[in-house]
PDB file of N, CA and C in Angstrom:
ATOM      1  N   LEU A   1       0.899  -1.680   0.094  1.00  0.00           N
ATOM      2  CA  LEU A   1       0.240  -0.230  -0.114  1.00  0.00           C
ATOM      3  C   LEU A   1       1.113   1.311   0.261  1.00  0.00           C
ATOM      4  N   THR A   2       0.776   2.121  -0.431  1.00  0.00           N
ATOM      5  CA  THR A   2       1.047   3.892  -0.757  1.00  0.00           C
ATOM      6  C   THR A   2       0.277   4.429  -0.294  1.00  0.00           C
ATOM      7  N   GLY A   3       0.825   5.927   0.448  1.00  0.00           N
ATOM      8  CA  GLY A   3       0.073   6.812   0.507  1.00  0.00           C
ATOM      9  C   GLY A   3      -0.905   6.562   2.367  1.00  0.00           C
ATOM     10  N   ALA A   4      -1.668   7.701   2.475  1.00  0.00           N
ATOM     11  CA  ALA A   4      -2.203   7.317   3.961  1.00  0.00           C
ATOM     12  C   ALA A   4      -3.070   6.139   3.966  1.00  0.00           C
ATOM     13  N   LEU A   5      -3.109   5.662   5.090  1.00  0.00           N
ATOM     14  CA  LEU A   5      -3.770   4.417   5.411  1.00  0.00           C
ATOM     15  C   LEU A   5      -4.953   5.044   6.533  1.00  0.00           C
ATOM     16  N   ASP A   6      -5.985   4.914   6.810  1.00  0.00           N
ATOM     17  CA  ASP A   6      -6.624   5.220   7.780  1.00  0.00           C
ATOM     18  C   ASP A   6      -6.920   3.144   8.403  1.00  0.00           C
ATOM     19  N   VAL A   7      -6.244   3.163   9.159  1.00  0.00           N
ATOM     20  CA  VAL A   7      -6.522   1.664   9.825  1.00  0.00           C
ATOM     21  C   VAL A   7      -7.594   1.526  10.923  1.00  0.00           C
ATOM     22  N   ALA A   8      -8.678   2.471  10.914  1.00  0.00           N
ATOM     23  CA  ALA A   8      -9.757   1.929  11.284  1.00  0.00           C
ATOM     24  C   ALA A   8     -10.722   1.525  10.303  1.00  0.00           C
ATOM     25  N   VAL A   9     -10.808   2.653   9.169  1.00  0.00           N
ATOM     26  CA  VAL A   9     -11.485   1.917   8.194  1.00  0.00           C
ATOM     27  C   VAL A   9     -11.218   0.565   7.602  1.00  0.00           C
ATOM     28  N   LEU A  10      -9.759   0.447   7.459  1.00  0.00           N
ATOM     29  CA  LEU A  10      -9.657  -1.026   6.825  1.00  0.00           C
ATOM     30  C   LEU A  10     -10.276  -2.024   8.116  1.00  0.00           C
ATOM     31  N   GLU A  11     -10.096  -1.861   9.115  1.00  0.00           N
ATOM     32  CA  GLU A  11     -10.554  -2.993   9.948  1.00  0.00           C
ATOM     33  C   GLU A  11     -12.201  -3.179   9.779  1.00  0.00           C
ATOM     34  N   LYS A  12     -12.749  -2.046   9.737  1.00  0.00           N
ATOM     35  CA  LYS A  12     -14.265  -1.858   9.443  1.00  0.00           C
ATOM     36  C   LYS A  12     -14.806  -2.496   8.295  1.00  0.00           C
ATOM     37  N   CYS A  13     -13.625  -2.365   7.366  1.00  0.00           N
ATOM     38  CA  CYS A  13     -14.201  -2.983   6.281  1.00  0.00           C
ATOM     39  C   CYS A  13     -13.752  -4.487   6.442  1.00  0.00           C
ATOM     40  N   LEU A  14     -12.837  -4.906   6.804  1.00  0.00           N
ATOM     41  CA  LEU A  14     -12.863  -6.259   7.073  1.00  0.00           C
ATOM     42  C   LEU A  14     -13.570  -7.224   7.369  1.00  0.00           C
ATOM     43  N   LYS A  15     -13.899  -6.650   8.855  1.00  0.00           N
ATOM     44  CA  LYS A  15     -15.059  -6.922  10.191  1.00  0.00           C
ATOM     45  C   LYS A  15     -16.175  -7.111   9.102  1.00  0.00           C
ATOM     46  N   THR A  16     -16.732  -6.090   8.228  1.00  0.00           N
ATOM     47  CA  THR A  16     -17.731  -6.411   7.469  1.00  0.00           C
ATOM     48  C   THR A  16     -17.745  -7.302   6.414  1.00  0.00           C
ATOM     49  N   ILE A  17     -16.501  -7.787   6.399  1.00  0.00           N
ATOM     50  CA  ILE A  17     -16.507  -9.104   5.492  1.00  0.00           C
ATOM     51  C   ILE A  17     -16.628 -10.399   6.349  1.00  0.00           C
ATOM     52  N   VAL A  18     -15.876 -10.355   7.129  1.00  0.00           N
ATOM     53  CA  VAL A  18     -16.563 -11.641   8.599  1.00  0.00           C
ATOM     54  C   VAL A  18     -17.805 -11.273   8.782  1.00  0.00           C
ATOM     55  N   ASP A  19     -18.662 -10.142   9.327  1.00  0.00           N
ATOM     56  CA  ASP A  19     -20.026 -10.280   9.809  1.00  0.00           C
ATOM     57  C   ASP A  19     -20.931 -10.907   8.455  1.00  0.00           C
ATOM     58  N   ARG A  20     -20.825 -10.528   7.242  1.00  0.00           N
ATOM     59  CA  ARG A  20     -21.563 -10.853   6.238  1.00  0.00           C
ATOM     60  C   ARG A  20     -21.345 -12.360   5.956  1.00  0.00           C
ATOM     61  N   HIS A  21     -19.991 -13.351   5.913  1.00  0.00           N
ATOM     62  CA  HIS A  21     -19.908 -14.496   5.782  1.00  0.00           C
ATOM     63  C   HIS A  21     -19.640 -15.518   6.688  1.00  0.00           C
ATOM     64  N   GLU A  22     -21.009 -16.288   7.542  1.00  0.00           N
ATOM     65  CA  GLU A  22     -20.911 -17.114   8.449  1.00  0.00           C
ATOM     66  C   GLU A  22     -19.693 -18.187   8.621  1.00  0.00           C
ATOM     67  N   VAL A  23     -19.084 -18.417   7.268  1.00  0.00           N
ATOM     68  CA  VAL A  23     -18.609 -19.457   7.538  1.00  0.00           C
ATOM     69  C   VAL A  23     -17.076 -18.965   7.985  1.00  0.00           C
ATOM     70  N   LEU A  24     -16.769 -17.746   7.879  1.00  0.00           N
ATOM     71  CA  LEU A  24     -15.529 -16.994   8.782  1.00  0.00           C
ATOM     72  C   LEU A  24     -15.788 -17.124   9.814  1.00  0.00           C
ATOM     73  N   ARG A  25     -16.821 -17.248  10.955  1.00  0.00           N
ATOM     74  CA  ARG A  25     -16.937 -16.997  11.907  1.00  0.00           C
ATOM     75  C   ARG A  25     -17.847 -18.127  12.828  1.00  0.00           C
ATOM     76  N   THR A  26     -17.743 -19.219  11.990  1.00  0.00           N
ATOM     77  CA  THR A  26     -18.068 -20.579  12.633  1.00  0.00           C
ATOM     78  C   THR A  26     -17.077 -21.676  13.139  1.00  0.00           C
ATOM     79  N   VAL A  27     -17.349 -22.135  13.767  1.00  0.00           N
ATOM     80  CA  VAL A  27     -16.400 -22.408  14.830  1.00  0.00           C
ATOM     81  C   VAL A  27     -17.129 -24.352  15.372  1.00  0.00           C
ATOM     82  N   VAL A  28     -16.242 -25.505  14.805  1.00  0.00           N
ATOM     83  CA  VAL A  28     -16.571 -26.482  15.265  1.00  0.00           C
ATOM     84  C   VAL A  28     -16.889 -26.592  16.781  1.00  0.00           C
ATOM     85  N   LYS A  29     -17.143 -27.447  17.902  1.00  0.00           N
ATOM     86  CA  LYS A  29     -17.143 -27.610  18.913  1.00  0.00           C
ATOM     87  C   LYS A  29     -17.929 -28.998  19.049  1.00  0.00           C
ATOM     88  N   SER A  30     -17.113 -29.522  20.185  1.00  0.00           N
ATOM     89  CA  SER A  30     -17.807 -31.009  20.620  1.00  0.00           C
ATOM     90  C   SER A  30     -18.292 -31.043  22.075  1.00  0.00           C
ATOM     91  N   GLU A  31     -19.710 -31.664  22.609  1.00  0.00           N
ATOM     92  CA  GLU A  31     -20.171 -31.916  23.622  1.00  0.00           C
ATOM     93  C   GLU A  31     -20.423 -33.461  23.820  1.00  0.00           C
ATOM     94  N   GLN A  32     -19.744 -34.223  24.560  1.00  0.00           N
ATOM     95  CA  GLN A  32     -20.024 -35.289  24.798  1.00  0.00           C
ATOM     96  C   GLN A  32     -19.889 -36.330  23.524  1.00  0.00           C
ATOM     97  N   GLY A  33     -19.149 -36.421  22.832  1.00  0.00           N
ATOM     98  CA  GLY A  33     -18.410 -36.639  21.791  1.00  0.00           C
ATOM     99  C   GLY A  33     -19.455 -36.374  20.434  1.00  0.00           C
ATOM    100  N   ILE A  34     -20.579 -35.550  20.721  1.00  0.00           N
ATOM    101  CA  ILE A  34     -21.291 -35.068  19.520  1.00  0.00           C
ATOM    102  C   ILE A  34     -20.840 -33.438  19.134  1.00  0.00           C
ATOM    103  N   GLY A  35     -20.200 -34.017  17.819  1.00  0.00           N
ATOM    104  CA  GLY A  35     -19.598 -32.463  16.929  1.00  0.00           C
ATOM    105  C   GLY A  35     -21.110 -31.667  16.612  1.00  0.00           C
ATOM    106  N   TYR A  36     -20.467 -30.193  16.893  1.00  0.00           N
ATOM    107  CA  TYR A  36     -21.837 -29.336  16.452  1.00  0.00           C
ATOM    108  C   TYR A  36     -21.180 -28.076  16.343  1.00  0.00           C
ATOM    109  N   GLN A  37     -21.751 -27.015  15.242  1.00  0.00           N
ATOM    110  CA  GLN A  37     -21.056 -25.723  14.457  1.00  0.00           C
ATOM    111  C   GLN A  37     -21.595 -24.696  15.702  1.00  0.00           C
ATOM    112  N   GLU A  38     -21.134 -23.767  16.217  1.00  0.00           N
ATOM    113  CA  GLU A  38     -21.301 -22.622  16.423  1.00  0.00           C
ATOM    114  C   GLU A  38     -20.967 -20.995  16.044  1.00  0.00           C
ATOM    115  N   MET A  39     -21.479 -20.403  15.848  1.00  0.00           N
ATOM    116  CA  MET A  39     -21.514 -18.951  15.116  1.00  0.00           C
ATOM    117  C   MET A  39     -21.063 -18.150  16.307  1.00  0.00           C
ATOM    118  N   MET A  40     -19.824 -17.249  15.833  1.00  0.00           N
ATOM    119  CA  MET A  40     -19.211 -16.152  16.843  1.00  0.00           C
ATOM    120  C   MET A  40     -19.650 -15.145  16.391  1.00  0.00           C
ATOM    121  N   SER A  41     -19.729 -14.416  17.195  1.00  0.00           N
ATOM    122  CA  SER A  41     -20.236 -12.613  16.582  1.00  0.00           C
ATOM    123  C   SER A  41     -19.197 -11.976  15.978  1.00  0.00           C
ATOM    124  N   ALA A  42     -19.285 -11.231  15.133  1.00  0.00           N
ATOM    125  CA  ALA A  42     -17.594 -10.805  14.405  1.00  0.00           C
ATOM    126  C   ALA A  42     -17.411  -9.549  15.144  1.00  0.00           C
ATOM    127  N   ASP A  43     -18.397  -9.312  15.883  1.00  0.00           N
ATOM    128  CA  ASP A  43     -17.699  -8.044  17.397  1.00  0.00           C
ATOM    129  C   ASP A  43     -16.405  -8.006  17.568  1.00  0.00           C
ATOM    130  N   GLN A  44     -15.620  -9.368  17.766  1.00  0.00           N
ATOM    131  CA  GLN A  44     -15.088  -9.519  18.645  1.00  0.00           C
ATOM    132  C   GLN A  44     -13.936  -9.547  17.644  1.00  0.00           C
ATOM    133  N   TRP A  45     -13.840  -9.472  16.198  1.00  0.00           N
ATOM    134  CA  TRP A  45     -12.650  -9.910  15.416  1.00  0.00           C
ATOM    135  C   TRP A  45     -11.993  -8.665  15.369  1.00  0.00           C
ATOM    136  N   THR A  46     -10.771  -8.776  14.858  1.00  0.00           N
ATOM    137  CA  THR A  46      -9.620  -7.245  15.304  1.00  0.00           C
ATOM    138  C   THR A  46      -8.899  -7.757  14.211  1.00  0.00           C
ATOM    139  N   LEU A  47      -8.360  -6.618  13.810  1.00  0.00           N
ATOM    140  CA  LEU A  47      -7.159  -6.791  12.633  1.00  0.00           C
ATOM    141  C   LEU A  47      -5.786  -6.682  13.385  1.00  0.00           C
ATOM    142  N   ASP A  48      -4.905  -7.585  13.287  1.00  0.00           N
ATOM    143  CA  ASP A  48      -3.262  -7.346  13.613  1.00  0.00           C
ATOM    144  C   ASP A  48      -3.248  -6.581  13.553  1.00  0.00           C
ATOM    145  N   THR A  49      -1.986  -5.986  14.114  1.00  0.00           N
ATOM    146  CA  THR A  49      -1.074  -4.745  13.746  1.00  0.00           C
ATOM    147  C   THR A  49       0.489  -5.105  14.713  1.00  0.00           C
ATOM    148  N   VAL A  50       1.084  -4.692  13.945  1.00  0.00           N
ATOM    149  CA  VAL A  50       2.591  -4.865  14.423  1.00  0.00           C
ATOM    150  C   VAL A  50       3.717  -4.016  13.632  1.00  0.00           C
ATOM    151  N   LYS A  51       3.941  -3.279  15.015  1.00  0.00           N
ATOM    152  CA  LYS A  51       5.192  -2.076  14.415  1.00  0.00           C
ATOM    153  C   LYS A  51       6.200  -2.734  14.455  1.00  0.00           C
ATOM    154  N   LEU A  52       7.113  -2.548  13.211  1.00  0.00           N
ATOM    155  CA  LEU A  52       8.228  -2.785  13.251  1.00  0.00           C
ATOM    156  C   LEU A  52       9.176  -2.007  13.249  1.00  0.00           C
ATOM    157  N   ASP A  53      10.038  -2.660  14.024  1.00  0.00           N
ATOM    158  CA  ASP A  53      11.327  -2.007  14.478  1.00  0.00           C
ATOM    159  C   ASP A  53      12.792  -2.413  13.463  1.00  0.00           C
ATOM    160  N   ASP A  54      12.385  -3.611  13.095  1.00  0.00           N
ATOM    161  CA  ASP A  54      13.479  -3.992  11.631  1.00  0.00           C
ATOM    162  C   ASP A  54      12.821  -4.372  10.917  1.00  0.00           C
ATOM    163  N   ALA A  55      12.870  -4.196   9.745  1.00  0.00           N
ATOM    164  CA  ALA A  55      12.528  -4.489   8.826  1.00  0.00           C
ATOM    165  C   ALA A  55      13.108  -5.394   8.075  1.00  0.00           C
ATOM    166  N   GLU A  56      14.272  -5.826   8.670  1.00  0.00           N
ATOM    167  CA  GLU A  56      14.752  -7.400   7.871  1.00  0.00           C
ATOM    168  C   GLU A  56      13.588  -8.448   8.322  1.00  0.00           C
ATOM    169  N   ILE A  57      12.592  -8.264   9.134  1.00  0.00           N
ATOM    170  CA  ILE A  57      12.354  -8.923   9.816  1.00  0.00           C
ATOM    171  C   ILE A  57      10.845  -9.804   9.181  1.00  0.00           C
ATOM    172  N   VAL A  58      10.564  -8.600   8.484  1.00  0.00           N
ATOM    173  CA  VAL A  58       9.075  -8.837   7.437  1.00  0.00           C
ATOM    174  C   VAL A  58       8.827 -10.088   6.962  1.00  0.00           C
ATOM    175  N   GLU A  59       9.934 -10.824   6.412  1.00  0.00           N
ATOM    176  CA  GLU A  59       9.173 -11.627   5.397  1.00  0.00           C
ATOM    177  C   GLU A  59       9.288 -12.871   6.631  1.00  0.00           C
ATOM    178  N   GLU A  60       9.929 -13.158   7.490  1.00  0.00           N
ATOM    179  CA  GLU A  60      10.115 -14.192   8.529  1.00  0.00           C
ATOM    180  C   GLU A  60       8.495 -14.000   9.439  1.00  0.00           C
ATOM    181  N   LEU A  61       8.226 -12.820   9.438  1.00  0.00           N
ATOM    182  CA  LEU A  61       7.072 -12.460  10.667  1.00  0.00           C
ATOM    183  C   LEU A  61       5.776 -12.747   9.498  1.00  0.00           C
ATOM    184  N   VAL A  62       5.800 -12.511   8.456  1.00  0.00           N
ATOM    185  CA  VAL A  62       5.035 -12.966   7.637  1.00  0.00           C
ATOM    186  C   VAL A  62       4.712 -14.488   7.304  1.00  0.00           C
ATOM    187  N   ASP A  63       5.696 -14.975   6.834  1.00  0.00           N
ATOM    188  CA  ASP A  63       6.038 -16.530   7.052  1.00  0.00           C
ATOM    189  C   ASP A  63       5.294 -17.070   8.159  1.00  0.00           C
ATOM    190  N   ASN A  64       5.380 -16.523   9.356  1.00  0.00           N
ATOM    191  CA  ASN A  64       5.338 -16.941  10.745  1.00  0.00           C
ATOM    192  C   ASN A  64       3.595 -16.781  11.097  1.00  0.00           C
ATOM    193  N   PHE A  65       3.573 -15.759  10.110  1.00  0.00           N
ATOM    194  CA  PHE A  65       1.703 -15.169  10.318  1.00  0.00           C
ATOM    195  C   PHE A  65       0.835 -16.072   9.161  1.00  0.00           C
ATOM    196  N   ALA A  66       1.740 -16.965   8.298  1.00  0.00           N
ATOM    197  CA  ALA A  66       0.875 -17.278   7.249  1.00  0.00           C
ATOM    198  C   ALA A  66       0.591 -18.856   7.584  1.00  0.00           C
ATOM    199  N   ASP A  67       1.798 -19.148   8.217  1.00  0.00           N
ATOM    200  CA  ASP A  67       1.840 -20.754   8.658  1.00  0.00           C
ATOM    201  C   ASP A  67       0.749 -20.923   9.880  1.00  0.00           C
ATOM    202  N   ALA A  68       0.655 -19.853  10.785  1.00  0.00           N
ATOM    203  CA  ALA A  68       0.158 -20.402  12.255  1.00  0.00           C
ATOM    204  C   ALA A  68      -1.077 -20.881  11.279  1.00  0.00           C
ATOM    205  N   PRO A  69      -1.690 -22.684  12.253  1.00  0.00           N
ATOM    206  CA  PRO A  69      -2.617 -23.268  12.156  1.00  0.00           C
ATOM    207  C   PRO A  69      -3.892 -22.576  12.942  1.00  0.00           C
ATOM    208  N   PHE A  70      -5.126 -22.559  12.323  1.00  0.00           N
ATOM    209  CA  PHE A  70      -6.468 -22.262  13.266  1.00  0.00           C
ATOM    210  C   PHE A  70      -6.788 -23.442  13.984  1.00  0.00           C
ATOM    211  N   ASP A  71      -7.602 -22.785  15.069  1.00  0.00           N
ATOM    212  CA  ASP A  71      -7.857 -23.908  16.268  1.00  0.00           C
ATOM    213  C   ASP A  71      -9.473 -23.664  15.119  1.00  0.00           C
ATOM    214  N   LEU A  72      -9.710 -24.750  14.770  1.00  0.00           N
ATOM    215  CA  LEU A  72     -10.973 -24.765  14.105  1.00  0.00           C
ATOM    216  C   LEU A  72     -12.130 -24.572  15.611  1.00  0.00           C
ATOM    217  N   SER A  73     -11.676 -24.690  16.993  1.00  0.00           N
ATOM    218  CA  SER A  73     -12.964 -25.037  17.978  1.00  0.00           C
ATOM    219  C   SER A  73     -13.245 -23.215  18.436  1.00  0.00           C
ATOM    220  N   LYS A  74     -12.291 -22.740  18.156  1.00  0.00           N
ATOM    221  CA  LYS A  74     -12.320 -20.917  19.037  1.00  0.00           C
ATOM    222  C   LYS A  74     -11.452 -20.063  17.871  1.00  0.00           C
ATOM    223  N   ASP A  75     -10.878 -20.111  16.817  1.00  0.00           N
ATOM    224  CA  ASP A  75     -10.433 -18.938  15.808  1.00  0.00           C
ATOM    225  C   ASP A  75     -11.383 -18.547  14.899  1.00  0.00           C
ATOM    226  N   TYR A  76     -11.526 -17.521  14.385  1.00  0.00           N
ATOM    227  CA  TYR A  76     -12.163 -16.898  13.511  1.00  0.00           C
ATOM    228  C   TYR A  76     -11.402 -17.315  12.433  1.00  0.00           C
ATOM    229  N   MET A  77     -12.194 -18.029  11.135  1.00  0.00           N
ATOM    230  CA  MET A  77     -10.986 -18.583   9.529  1.00  0.00           C
ATOM    231  C   MET A  77     -10.877 -17.923   8.903  1.00  0.00           C
ATOM    232  N   PHE A  78     -11.050 -16.383   9.474  1.00  0.00           N
ATOM    233  CA  PHE A  78     -10.113 -15.069   8.487  1.00  0.00           C
ATOM    234  C   PHE A  78      -9.501 -14.670   9.571  1.00  0.00           C
ATOM    235  N   ARG A  79      -7.960 -14.096   9.129  1.00  0.00           N
ATOM    236  CA  ARG A  79      -7.389 -13.315   9.636  1.00  0.00           C
ATOM    237  C   ARG A  79      -6.565 -12.407   8.935  1.00  0.00           C
ATOM    238  N   ALA A  80      -6.293 -11.207   9.669  1.00  0.00           N
ATOM    239  CA  ALA A  80      -5.174 -10.282   8.700  1.00  0.00           C
ATOM    240  C   ALA A  80      -4.131  -9.671   9.513  1.00  0.00           C
ATOM    241  N   CYS A  81      -2.938  -8.948   9.049  1.00  0.00           N
ATOM    242  CA  CYS A  81      -2.312  -8.194  10.264  1.00  0.00           C
ATOM    243  C   CYS A  81      -1.487  -7.340   9.157  1.00  0.00           C
ATOM    244  N   LEU A  82      -1.398  -6.048  10.070  1.00  0.00           N
ATOM    245  CA  LEU A  82      -0.967  -4.863   9.343  1.00  0.00           C
ATOM    246  C   LEU A  82       0.477  -4.582   9.700  1.00  0.00           C
ATOM    247  N   TYR A  83       1.602  -4.931   8.822  1.00  0.00           N
ATOM    248  CA  TYR A  83       2.567  -4.641   9.490  1.00  0.00           C
ATOM    249  C   TYR A  83       3.036  -3.456   9.235  1.00  0.00           C
TER     250      TYR A  83
END
């Protein structure tokens, strides 16, 4: 991205996507061995932000973020991070 970025507007736009698509906020839970789906509210979804002191580690941070597994029982199925 180039130019000025309004982080609050970006986060609001991404949160709107999560709110509109139930699959991005649906988790799989189990109770007494029986699986079921539960939809979370989009209200708790946030855009992660990382302030960088060393630009050389950006690639490593992005790789780690992209490789992090989702916990299907509690994580939103959509995540984003602004570096």
